[in-house]
C-alpha atoms as a PDB file:
ATOM      1  CA  MET A   1       0.000   0.000   0.000  1.00  0.00           C
ATOM      2  CA  ASN A   2       2.827   2.401   0.867  1.00  0.00           C
ATOM      3  CA  GLU A   3       4.566   1.576  -2.431  1.00  0.00           C
ATOM      4  CA  GLN A   4       1.453   2.578  -4.358  1.00  0.00           C
ATOM      5  CA  ARG A   5       1.393   6.115  -2.964  1.00  0.00           C
ATOM      6  CA  PRO A   6       4.642   7.327  -4.624  1.00  0.00           C
ATOM      7  CA  PHE A   7       3.526   5.710  -7.885  1.00  0.00           C
ATOM      8  CA  ALA A   8       0.109   7.388  -7.683  1.00  0.00           C
ATOM      9  CA  GLY A   9       1.775  10.720  -6.956  1.00  0.00           C
ATOM     10  CA  ALA A  10       4.140  10.364  -9.930  1.00  0.00           C
ATOM     11  CA  LEU A  11       1.244   9.385 -12.189  1.00  0.00           C
ATOM     12  CA  TRP A  12      -0.725  12.432 -11.044  1.00  0.00           C
ATOM     13  CA  THR A  13       2.266  14.680 -11.797  1.00  0.00           C
ATOM     14  CA  VAL A  14       2.410  13.271 -15.329  1.00  0.00           C
ATOM     15  CA  TYR A  15      -1.287  14.024 -15.696  1.00  0.00           C
ATOM     16  CA  GLU A  16      -0.694  17.607 -14.531  1.00  0.00           C
ATOM     17  CA  HIS A  17       1.901  18.058 -17.282  1.00  0.00           C
ATOM     18  CA  VAL A  18      -0.443  16.575 -19.890  1.00  0.00           C
ATOM     19  CA  ALA A  19      -3.286  18.819 -18.672  1.00  0.00           C
ATOM     20  CA  MET A  20      -1.037  21.872 -19.030  1.00  0.00           C
ATOM     21  CA  VAL A  21      -0.267  20.984 -22.659  1.00  0.00           C
ATOM     22  CA  VAL A  22      -3.951  20.307 -23.388  1.00  0.00           C
ATOM     23  CA  GLY A  23      -4.987  23.600 -21.780  1.00  0.00           C
ATOM     24  CA  LEU A  24      -2.437  25.814 -23.504  1.00  0.00           C
ATOM     25  CA  GLY A  25      -2.754  23.988 -26.815  1.00  0.00           C
ATOM     26  CA  SER A  26      -6.538  24.173 -26.923  1.00  0.00           C
ATOM     27  CA  LEU A  27      -6.531  27.922 -26.275  1.00  0.00           C
ATOM     28  CA  GLY A  28      -4.023  28.450 -29.065  1.00  0.00           C
ATOM     29  CA  LEU A  29      -6.069  26.270 -31.416  1.00  0.00           C
ATOM     30  CA  LEU A  30      -9.296  28.145 -30.688  1.00  0.00           C
ATOM     31  CA  CYS A  31      -7.540  31.440 -31.382  1.00  0.00           C
ATOM     32  CA  LEU A  32      -6.170  30.105 -34.675  1.00  0.00           C
ATOM     33  CA  ILE A  33      -9.590  28.865 -35.796  1.00  0.00           C
ATOM     34  CA  TRP A  34     -11.233  32.255 -35.201  1.00  0.00           C
ATOM     35  CA  LEU A  35      -8.310  34.326 -36.510  1.00  0.00           C
ATOM     36  CA  PRO A  36      -9.120  34.347 -40.289  1.00  0.00           C
ATOM     37  CA  PHE A  37     -12.822  34.975 -39.677  1.00  0.00           C
ATOM     38  CA  ALA A  38     -12.088  37.866 -37.315  1.00  0.00           C
ATOM     39  CA  MET A  39      -9.690  39.437 -39.824  1.00  0.00           C
ATOM     40  CA  VAL A  40     -12.192  39.285 -42.673  1.00  0.00           C
ATOM     41  CA  LEU A  41     -15.235  40.352 -40.634  1.00  0.00           C
ATOM     42  CA  HIS A  42     -13.362  43.350 -39.243  1.00  0.00           C
ATOM     43  CA  TRP A  43     -13.172  44.791 -42.748  1.00  0.00           C
ATOM     44  CA  LEU A  44     -16.519  43.575 -44.109  1.00  0.00           C
ATOM     45  CA  LEU A  45     -19.015  44.304 -41.335  1.00  0.00           C
ATOM     46  CA  PRO A  46     -20.323  47.640 -40.053  1.00  0.00           C
ATOM     47  CA  ARG A  47     -18.692  48.593 -36.771  1.00  0.00           C
ATOM     48  CA  ARG A  48     -21.658  47.960 -34.459  1.00  0.00           C
ATOM     49  CA  LEU A  49     -22.522  44.589 -35.999  1.00  0.00           C
ATOM     50  CA  GLY A  50     -18.887  43.525 -36.100  1.00  0.00           C
ATOM     51  CA  GLN A  51     -18.249  44.334 -32.455  1.00  0.00           C
ATOM     52  CA  ARG A  52     -21.431  42.543 -31.376  1.00  0.00           C
ATOM     53  CA  ILE A  53     -20.423  39.392 -33.227  1.00  0.00           C
ATOM     54  CA  GLY A  54     -16.805  39.746 -32.127  1.00  0.00           C
ATOM     55  CA  ARG A  55     -17.674  40.053 -28.433  1.00  0.00           C
ATOM     56  CA  PHE A  56     -20.118  37.166 -28.581  1.00  0.00           C
ATOM     57  CA  MET A  57     -17.567  34.900 -30.259  1.00  0.00           C
ATOM     58  CA  VAL A  58     -14.807  35.774 -27.790  1.00  0.00           C
ATOM     59  CA  SER A  59     -17.165  35.010 -24.897  1.00  0.00           C
ATOM     60  CA  PHE A  60     -18.323  31.794 -26.571  1.00  0.00           C
ATOM     61  CA  GLY A  61     -14.743  30.737 -27.300  1.00  0.00           C
ATOM     62  CA  PHE A  62     -13.693  31.328 -23.698  1.00  0.00           C
ATOM     63  CA  ARG A  63     -16.689  29.311 -22.453  1.00  0.00           C
ATOM     64  CA  LEU A  64     -15.671  26.460 -24.740  1.00  0.00           C
ATOM     65  CA  TYR A  65     -12.084  26.697 -23.523  1.00  0.00           C
ATOM     66  CA  LEU A  66     -13.177  26.563 -19.882  1.00  0.00           C
ATOM     67  CA  ARG A  67     -15.348  23.558 -20.687  1.00  0.00           C
ATOM     68  CA  ILE A  68     -12.224  21.826 -21.998  1.00  0.00           C
ATOM     69  CA  LEU A  69     -10.387  22.694 -18.775  1.00  0.00           C
ATOM     70  CA  THR A  70     -13.161  21.351 -16.566  1.00  0.00           C
ATOM     71  CA  THR A  71     -13.636  18.181 -18.631  1.00  0.00           C
ATOM     72  CA  PHE A  72     -10.034  17.163 -19.292  1.00  0.00           C
ATOM     73  CA  CYS A  73      -7.812  19.208 -16.982  1.00  0.00           C
ATOM     74  CA  ALA A  74      -9.338  18.823 -13.500  1.00  0.00           C
ATOM     75  CA  CYS A  75     -10.308  22.487 -13.178  1.00  0.00           C
ATOM     76  CA  ARG A  76     -13.206  23.225 -10.844  1.00  0.00           C
ATOM     77  CA  LEU A  77     -14.793  26.586 -11.603  1.00  0.00           C
ATOM     78  CA  ASP A  78     -17.583  28.408  -9.795  1.00  0.00           C
ATOM     79  CA  LEU A  79     -18.414  31.455 -11.909  1.00  0.00           C
ATOM     80  CA  SER A  80     -22.177  31.487 -11.424  1.00  0.00           C
ATOM     81  CA  GLU A  81     -22.252  34.833  -9.573  1.00  0.00           C
ATOM     82  CA  LEU A  82     -21.022  36.575 -12.727  1.00  0.00           C
ATOM     83  CA  ASP A  83     -24.261  35.598 -14.473  1.00  0.00           C
ATOM     84  CA  ARG A  84     -26.083  38.127 -12.293  1.00  0.00           C
ATOM     85  CA  LEU A  85     -24.343  40.931 -14.199  1.00  0.00           C
ATOM     86  CA  ARG A  86     -25.864  40.034 -17.559  1.00  0.00           C
ATOM     87  CA  GLY A  87     -28.463  42.552 -18.572  1.00  0.00           C
ATOM     88  CA  ASN A  88     -27.226  45.063 -15.978  1.00  0.00           C
ATOM     89  CA  GLY A  89     -26.216  47.526 -18.676  1.00  0.00           C
ATOM     90  CA  PRO A  90     -22.867  49.340 -18.713  1.00  0.00           C
ATOM     91  CA  LEU A  91     -20.583  48.603 -15.786  1.00  0.00           C
ATOM     92  CA  ILE A  92     -16.917  48.864 -14.925  1.00  0.00           C
ATOM     93  CA  LEU A  93     -15.907  45.468 -13.553  1.00  0.00           C
ATOM     94  CA  ALA A  94     -12.921  45.954 -11.249  1.00  0.00           C
ATOM     95  CA  ALA A  95     -11.240  42.668 -10.332  1.00  0.00           C
ATOM     96  CA  ASN A  96      -8.113  41.530  -8.544  1.00  0.00           C
ATOM     97  CA  HIS A  97      -5.546  39.977 -10.870  1.00  0.00           C
ATOM     98  CA  PRO A  98      -3.890  36.827  -9.504  1.00  0.00           C
ATOM     99  CA  SER A  99      -3.640  34.900 -12.809  1.00  0.00           C
ATOM    100  CA  LEU A 100      -3.432  35.082 -16.597  1.00  0.00           C
ATOM    101  CA  LEU A 101      -6.819  33.343 -16.616  1.00  0.00           C
ATOM    102  CA  ASP A 102      -8.673  36.239 -14.978  1.00  0.00           C
ATOM    103  CA  ALA A 103     -10.026  37.992 -18.079  1.00  0.00           C
ATOM    104  CA  VAL A 104     -10.944  34.643 -19.620  1.00  0.00           C
ATOM    105  CA  LEU A 105     -13.027  33.726 -16.573  1.00  0.00           C
ATOM    106  CA  ILE A 106     -14.974  36.988 -16.511  1.00  0.00           C
ATOM    107  CA  VAL A 107     -15.532  37.439 -20.249  1.00  0.00           C
ATOM    108  CA  SER A 108     -16.688  33.827 -20.630  1.00  0.00           C
ATOM    109  CA  ARG A 109     -19.899  34.690 -18.743  1.00  0.00           C
ATOM    110  CA  LEU A 110     -20.560  38.164 -20.133  1.00  0.00           C
ATOM    111  CA  PRO A 111     -21.110  38.373 -23.911  1.00  0.00           C
ATOM    112  CA  ASN A 112     -20.904  42.187 -24.014  1.00  0.00           C
ATOM    113  CA  ALA A 113     -17.743  42.499 -21.932  1.00  0.00           C
ATOM    114  CA  ILE A 114     -14.569  44.093 -23.262  1.00  0.00           C
ATOM    115  CA  CYS A 115     -11.078  44.470 -21.850  1.00  0.00           C
ATOM    116  CA  ILE A 116      -8.313  47.041 -21.864  1.00  0.00           C
ATOM    117  CA  MET A 117      -5.383  45.378 -23.613  1.00  0.00           C
ATOM    118  CA  LYS A 118      -1.726  46.264 -23.922  1.00  0.00           C
ATOM    119  CA  ALA A 119      -0.806  47.599 -27.338  1.00  0.00           C
ATOM    120  CA  SER A 120       1.621  44.699 -27.803  1.00  0.00           C
ATOM    121  CA  LEU A 121      -1.230  42.188 -27.354  1.00  0.00           C
ATOM    122  CA  MET A 122      -3.519  44.115 -29.697  1.00  0.00           C
ATOM    123  CA  ASP A 123      -0.749  43.869 -32.304  1.00  0.00           C
ATOM    124  CA  ASN A 124      -0.155  40.164 -31.619  1.00  0.00           C
ATOM    125  CA  PRO A 125      -0.935  38.107 -34.762  1.00  0.00           C
ATOM    126  CA  LEU A 126      -2.742  35.437 -32.764  1.00  0.00           C
ATOM    127  CA  LEU A 127      -4.821  37.637 -30.444  1.00  0.00           C
ATOM    128  CA  GLY A 128      -5.091  41.012 -32.135  1.00  0.00           C
ATOM    129  CA  ALA A 129      -7.679  40.298 -34.850  1.00  0.00           C
ATOM    130  CA  ALA A 130     -10.303  39.025 -32.396  1.00  0.00           C
ATOM    131  CA  ALA A 131      -9.658  41.940 -30.015  1.00  0.00           C
ATOM    132  CA  ARG A 132      -9.922  44.514 -32.793  1.00  0.00           C
ATOM    133  CA  LEU A 133     -13.167  43.038 -34.124  1.00  0.00           C
ATOM    134  CA  ALA A 134     -14.661  43.127 -30.612  1.00  0.00           C
ATOM    135  CA  ARG A 135     -13.408  46.726 -30.246  1.00  0.00           C
ATOM    136  CA  TYR A 136     -11.374  46.100 -27.123  1.00  0.00           C
ATOM    137  CA  VAL A 137      -9.691  49.204 -25.709  1.00  0.00           C
ATOM    138  CA  ARG A 138      -6.056  49.685 -26.638  1.00  0.00           C
ATOM    139  CA  ASN A 139      -3.823  50.777 -23.755  1.00  0.00           C
ATOM    140  CA  ASP A 140      -1.294  52.902 -25.591  1.00  0.00           C
ATOM    141  CA  GLY A 141      -1.800  56.147 -23.677  1.00  0.00           C
ATOM    142  CA  ALA A 142      -3.855  57.330 -20.705  1.00  0.00           C
ATOM    143  CA  LEU A 143      -6.020  59.894 -22.488  1.00  0.00           C
ATOM    144  CA  PRO A 144      -6.957  57.732 -25.526  1.00  0.00           C
ATOM    145  CA  MET A 145      -7.617  54.768 -23.219  1.00  0.00           C
ATOM    146  CA  ILE A 146      -9.977  56.796 -21.018  1.00  0.00           C
ATOM    147  CA  ALA A 147     -11.766  58.301 -24.035  1.00  0.00           C
ATOM    148  CA  HIS A 148     -12.249  54.945 -25.775  1.00  0.00           C
ATOM    149  CA  SER A 149     -13.400  53.324 -22.526  1.00  0.00           C
ATOM    150  CA  ARG A 150     -15.946  56.098 -21.993  1.00  0.00           C
ATOM    151  CA  ASP A 151     -17.259  55.675 -25.543  1.00  0.00           C
ATOM    152  CA  ALA A 152     -17.568  51.890 -25.152  1.00  0.00           C
ATOM    153  CA  LEU A 153     -19.458  52.280 -21.868  1.00  0.00           C
ATOM    154  CA  ALA A 154     -21.769  54.849 -23.473  1.00  0.00           C
ATOM    155  CA  GLU A 155     -22.661  52.185 -26.038  1.00  0.00           C
ATOM    156  CA  GLY A 156     -23.594  49.733 -23.258  1.00  0.00           C
ATOM    157  CA  ALA A 157     -20.426  47.648 -22.899  1.00  0.00           C
ATOM    158  CA  GLN A 158     -19.214  46.145 -19.637  1.00  0.00           C
ATOM    159  CA  LEU A 159     -15.559  47.065 -19.171  1.00  0.00           C
ATOM    160  CA  VAL A 160     -13.274  44.566 -17.402  1.00  0.00           C
ATOM    161  CA  MET A 161     -10.428  46.293 -15.556  1.00  0.00           C
ATOM    162  CA  PHE A 162      -7.673  45.230 -13.187  1.00  0.00           C
ATOM    163  CA  PRO A 163      -6.910  48.218 -10.931  1.00  0.00           C
ATOM    164  CA  GLU A 164      -3.493  46.802  -9.974  1.00  0.00           C
ATOM    165  CA  GLY A 165      -2.385  47.373 -13.572  1.00  0.00           C
ATOM    166  CA  SER A 166      -0.804  43.926 -13.944  1.00  0.00           C
ATOM    167  CA  ARG A 167      -0.889  40.554 -12.228  1.00  0.00           C
ATOM    168  CA  THR A 168      -0.399  40.690  -8.463  1.00  0.00           C
ATOM    169  CA  GLN A 169       3.219  40.551  -7.354  1.00  0.00           C
ATOM    170  CA  ARG A 170       2.671  40.831  -3.593  1.00  0.00           C
ATOM    171  CA  PHE A 171      -0.444  39.095  -2.385  1.00  0.00           C
ATOM    172  CA  PRO A 172      -3.137  39.851  -1.610  1.00  0.00           C
ATOM    173  CA  LEU A 173      -2.953  43.063  -3.714  1.00  0.00           C
ATOM    174  CA  ASP A 174      -0.600  45.540  -5.301  1.00  0.00           C
ATOM    175  CA  PRO A 175      -1.391  49.271  -5.083  1.00  0.00           C
ATOM    176  CA  PHE A 176      -4.211  50.428  -7.358  1.00  0.00           C
ATOM    177  CA  THR A 177      -3.682  52.767 -10.295  1.00  0.00           C
ATOM    178  CA  PRO A 178      -6.086  55.710 -10.733  1.00  0.00           C
ATOM    179  CA  SER A 179      -7.454  54.431 -14.074  1.00  0.00           C
ATOM    180  CA  VAL A 180     -10.669  52.931 -12.709  1.00  0.00           C
ATOM    181  CA  GLY A 181     -11.602  56.091 -10.815  1.00  0.00           C
ATOM    182  CA  LEU A 182     -10.793  58.296 -13.807  1.00  0.00           C
ATOM    183  CA  ILE A 183     -12.886  56.227 -16.213  1.00  0.00           C
ATOM    184  CA  ALA A 184     -15.771  56.067 -13.728  1.00  0.00           C
ATOM    185  CA  ARG A 185     -15.673  59.854 -13.329  1.00  0.00           C
ATOM    186  CA  ARG A 186     -15.537  60.546 -17.070  1.00  0.00           C
ATOM    187  CA  SER A 187     -18.251  58.021 -17.947  1.00  0.00           C
ATOM    188  CA  GLY A 188     -20.512  58.322 -14.893  1.00  0.00           C
ATOM    189  CA  VAL A 189     -20.688  54.509 -14.776  1.00  0.00           C
ATOM    190  CA  ALA A 190     -20.646  52.511 -11.543  1.00  0.00           C
ATOM    191  CA  VAL A 191     -17.785  50.200 -10.556  1.00  0.00           C
ATOM    192  CA  GLN A 192     -18.657  46.608  -9.639  1.00  0.00           C
ATOM    193  CA  ALA A 193     -16.082  44.802  -7.487  1.00  0.00           C
ATOM    194  CA  VAL A 194     -15.265  41.247  -8.568  1.00  0.00           C
ATOM    195  CA  PHE A 195     -13.101  38.920  -6.476  1.00  0.00           C
ATOM    196  CA  LEU A 196     -11.262  36.053  -8.180  1.00  0.00           C
ATOM    197  CA  GLU A 197     -10.095  33.330  -5.813  1.00  0.00           C
ATOM    198  CA  PHE A 198      -7.764  30.461  -6.757  1.00  0.00           C
ATOM    199  CA  SER A 199      -6.620  27.401  -4.840  1.00  0.00           C
ATOM    200  CA  THR A 200      -3.055  28.059  -6.080  1.00  0.00           C
ATOM    201  CA  PRO A 201      -1.489  31.108  -7.772  1.00  0.00           C
ATOM    202  CA  TYR A 202      -1.423  29.273 -11.118  1.00  0.00           C
ATOM    203  CA  LEU A 203      -0.198  31.502 -13.984  1.00  0.00           C
ATOM    204  CA  GLY A 204       0.374  34.308 -11.533  1.00  0.00           C
ATOM    205  CA  LYS A 205       3.267  36.751 -11.802  1.00  0.00           C
ATOM    206  CA  HIS A 206       5.683  34.269 -10.258  1.00  0.00           C
ATOM    207  CA  TRP A 207       4.298  31.118 -11.932  1.00  0.00           C
ATOM    208  CA  PRO A 208       6.081  30.502 -15.287  1.00  0.00           C
ATOM    209  CA  LEU A 209       3.865  29.721 -18.272  1.00  0.00           C
ATOM    210  CA  PHE A 210       5.231  26.188 -18.701  1.00  0.00           C
ATOM    211  CA  ARG A 211       5.298  25.224 -15.042  1.00  0.00           C
ATOM    212  CA  HIS A 212       2.645  22.564 -14.584  1.00  0.00           C
ATOM    213  CA  PRO A 213      -0.389  23.337 -12.385  1.00  0.00           C
ATOM    214  CA  ARG A 214      -1.236  21.650  -9.117  1.00  0.00           C
ATOM    215  CA  LEU A 215      -4.507  19.917  -9.836  1.00  0.00           C
ATOM    216  CA  PRO A 216      -7.364  19.999  -9.271  1.00  0.00           C
ATOM    217  CA  LEU A 217      -7.345  23.754  -9.721  1.00  0.00           C
ATOM    218  CA  HIS A 218     -10.257  25.451  -7.968  1.00  0.00           C
ATOM    219  CA  CYS A 219     -11.407  28.930  -8.910  1.00  0.00           C
ATOM    220  CA  ARG A 220     -14.336  31.013  -7.753  1.00  0.00           C
ATOM    221  CA  ALA A 221     -15.660  34.417  -8.850  1.00  0.00           C
ATOM    222  CA  ARG A 222     -17.417  36.410  -6.149  1.00  0.00           C
ATOM    223  CA  LEU A 223     -19.262  39.700  -6.502  1.00  0.00           C
ATOM    224  CA  GLY A 224     -18.626  42.472  -4.034  1.00  0.00           C
ATOM    225  CA  ARG A 225     -19.916  46.018  -3.578  1.00  0.00           C
ATOM    226  CA  ARG A 226     -20.967  48.336  -6.354  1.00  0.00           C
ATOM    227  CA  PHE A 227     -19.433  51.823  -6.139  1.00  0.00           C
ATOM    228  CA  GLU A 228     -21.215  54.740  -7.742  1.00  0.00           C
ATOM    229  CA  ALA A 229     -19.049  57.094  -9.811  1.00  0.00           C
ATOM    230  CA  THR A 230     -17.868  60.264  -8.045  1.00  0.00           C
ATOM    231  CA  HIS A 231     -16.136  63.463  -9.151  1.00  0.00           C
ATOM    232  CA  ASP A 232     -13.181  62.741  -6.846  1.00  0.00           C
ATOM    233  CA  HIS A 233     -11.449  59.890  -8.665  1.00  0.00           C
ATOM    234  CA  SER A 234      -8.564  59.824  -6.186  1.00  0.00           C
ATOM    235  CA  ALA A 235     -10.851  59.309  -3.185  1.00  0.00           C
ATOM    236  CA  MET A 236     -12.793  56.662  -5.114  1.00  0.00           C
ATOM    237  CA  THR A 237      -9.588  54.776  -5.937  1.00  0.00           C
ATOM    238  CA  GLN A 238      -8.521  54.859  -2.296  1.00  0.00           C
ATOM    239  CA  GLU A 239     -11.913  53.635  -1.113  1.00  0.00           C
ATOM    240  CA  LEU A 240     -11.940  50.846  -3.700  1.00  0.00           C
ATOM    241  CA  GLU A 241      -8.431  49.695  -2.780  1.00  0.00           C
ATOM    242  CA  ALA A 242      -9.206  49.732   0.950  1.00  0.00           C
ATOM    243  CA  TYR A 243     -12.323  47.669   0.301  1.00  0.00           C
ATOM    244  CA  PHE A 244     -10.388  45.121  -1.767  1.00  0.00           C
ATOM    245  CA  ARG A 245      -7.704  44.815   0.888  1.00  0.00           C
ATOM    246  CA  ARG A 246     -10.370  43.994   3.467  1.00  0.00           C
ATOM    247  CA  GLU A 247     -12.233  41.498   1.310  1.00  0.00           C
ATOM    248  CA  ALA A 248      -9.813  39.919  -1.191  1.00  0.00           C
ATOM    249  CA  LYS A 249      -8.850  36.279  -0.644  1.00  0.00           C
ATOM    250  CA  PRO A 250      -7.111  35.269  -3.882  1.00  0.00           C
ATOM    251  CA  ILE A 251      -5.798  32.005  -2.434  1.00  0.00           C
ATOM    252  CA  TRP A 252      -8.865  29.916  -1.727  1.00  0.00           C
ATOM    253  CA  THR A 253      -8.932  26.668   0.250  1.00  0.00           C
ATOM    254  CA  PRO A 254     -11.806  24.543  -1.091  1.00  0.00           C
ATOM    255  CA  SER A 255     -13.450  21.763   0.872  1.00  0.00           C
ATOM    256  CA  THR A 256     -11.789  19.079  -1.255  1.00  0.00           C
ATOM    257  CA  ASP A 257      -8.172  18.738  -2.257  1.00  0.00           C
ATOM    258  CA  HIS A 258      -6.334  16.728  -4.842  1.00  0.00           C
ATOM    259  CA  PRO A 259      -6.065  12.954  -4.331  1.00  0.00           C
END
């Protein structure tokens, strides 16, 4: 019996490596499949129709990807609270940022959600066409980013933002940037707090892309307070950060652990 335990552990580690390859490979494949369609539709369709189709397909593709992770890669996801935001109209969704999966998790449940993306990602051959069709916001300067975010919110979009600016380096949170408060002030749109909680910091700032996960990977999305927009963006940012520091629990201990 004791000899079986090391063997079972080694076998599980092999499975974790295989699951990592399946997860990364399937995301890349889904992006490649949609790439030529997104490129063509971006030029052929009117802007409003193109962005509606683009956002729906990104959300659908992420849902399919997460289904692959839950079916084949021992990922256990509880994202049901995000469904309450559908039909809520324009919102700024402010979330903590423990993992590269964060935007995927949120957008998968919200077909009219968009993200602010780095200019380098918008120009990426694999990712850029889908993002441009969906009219994601390009982060290549503070003023254009705020203006484009305001315009997207005025059209009814739900804007996904990570106030830390990048993935968390020092848990539970890094200091917030003023972007969320500025966009809320300019647009007059409320900020909805979203907490993303993982059982391990998989694909976090200090987790290399090709380091295998510890499975099963548990993740939960939890809704917090909704903050109305104010004219004092600095005070709003401080209040939002203080609230997140009280409530954020990015490392989550589920009731069950891996075998």
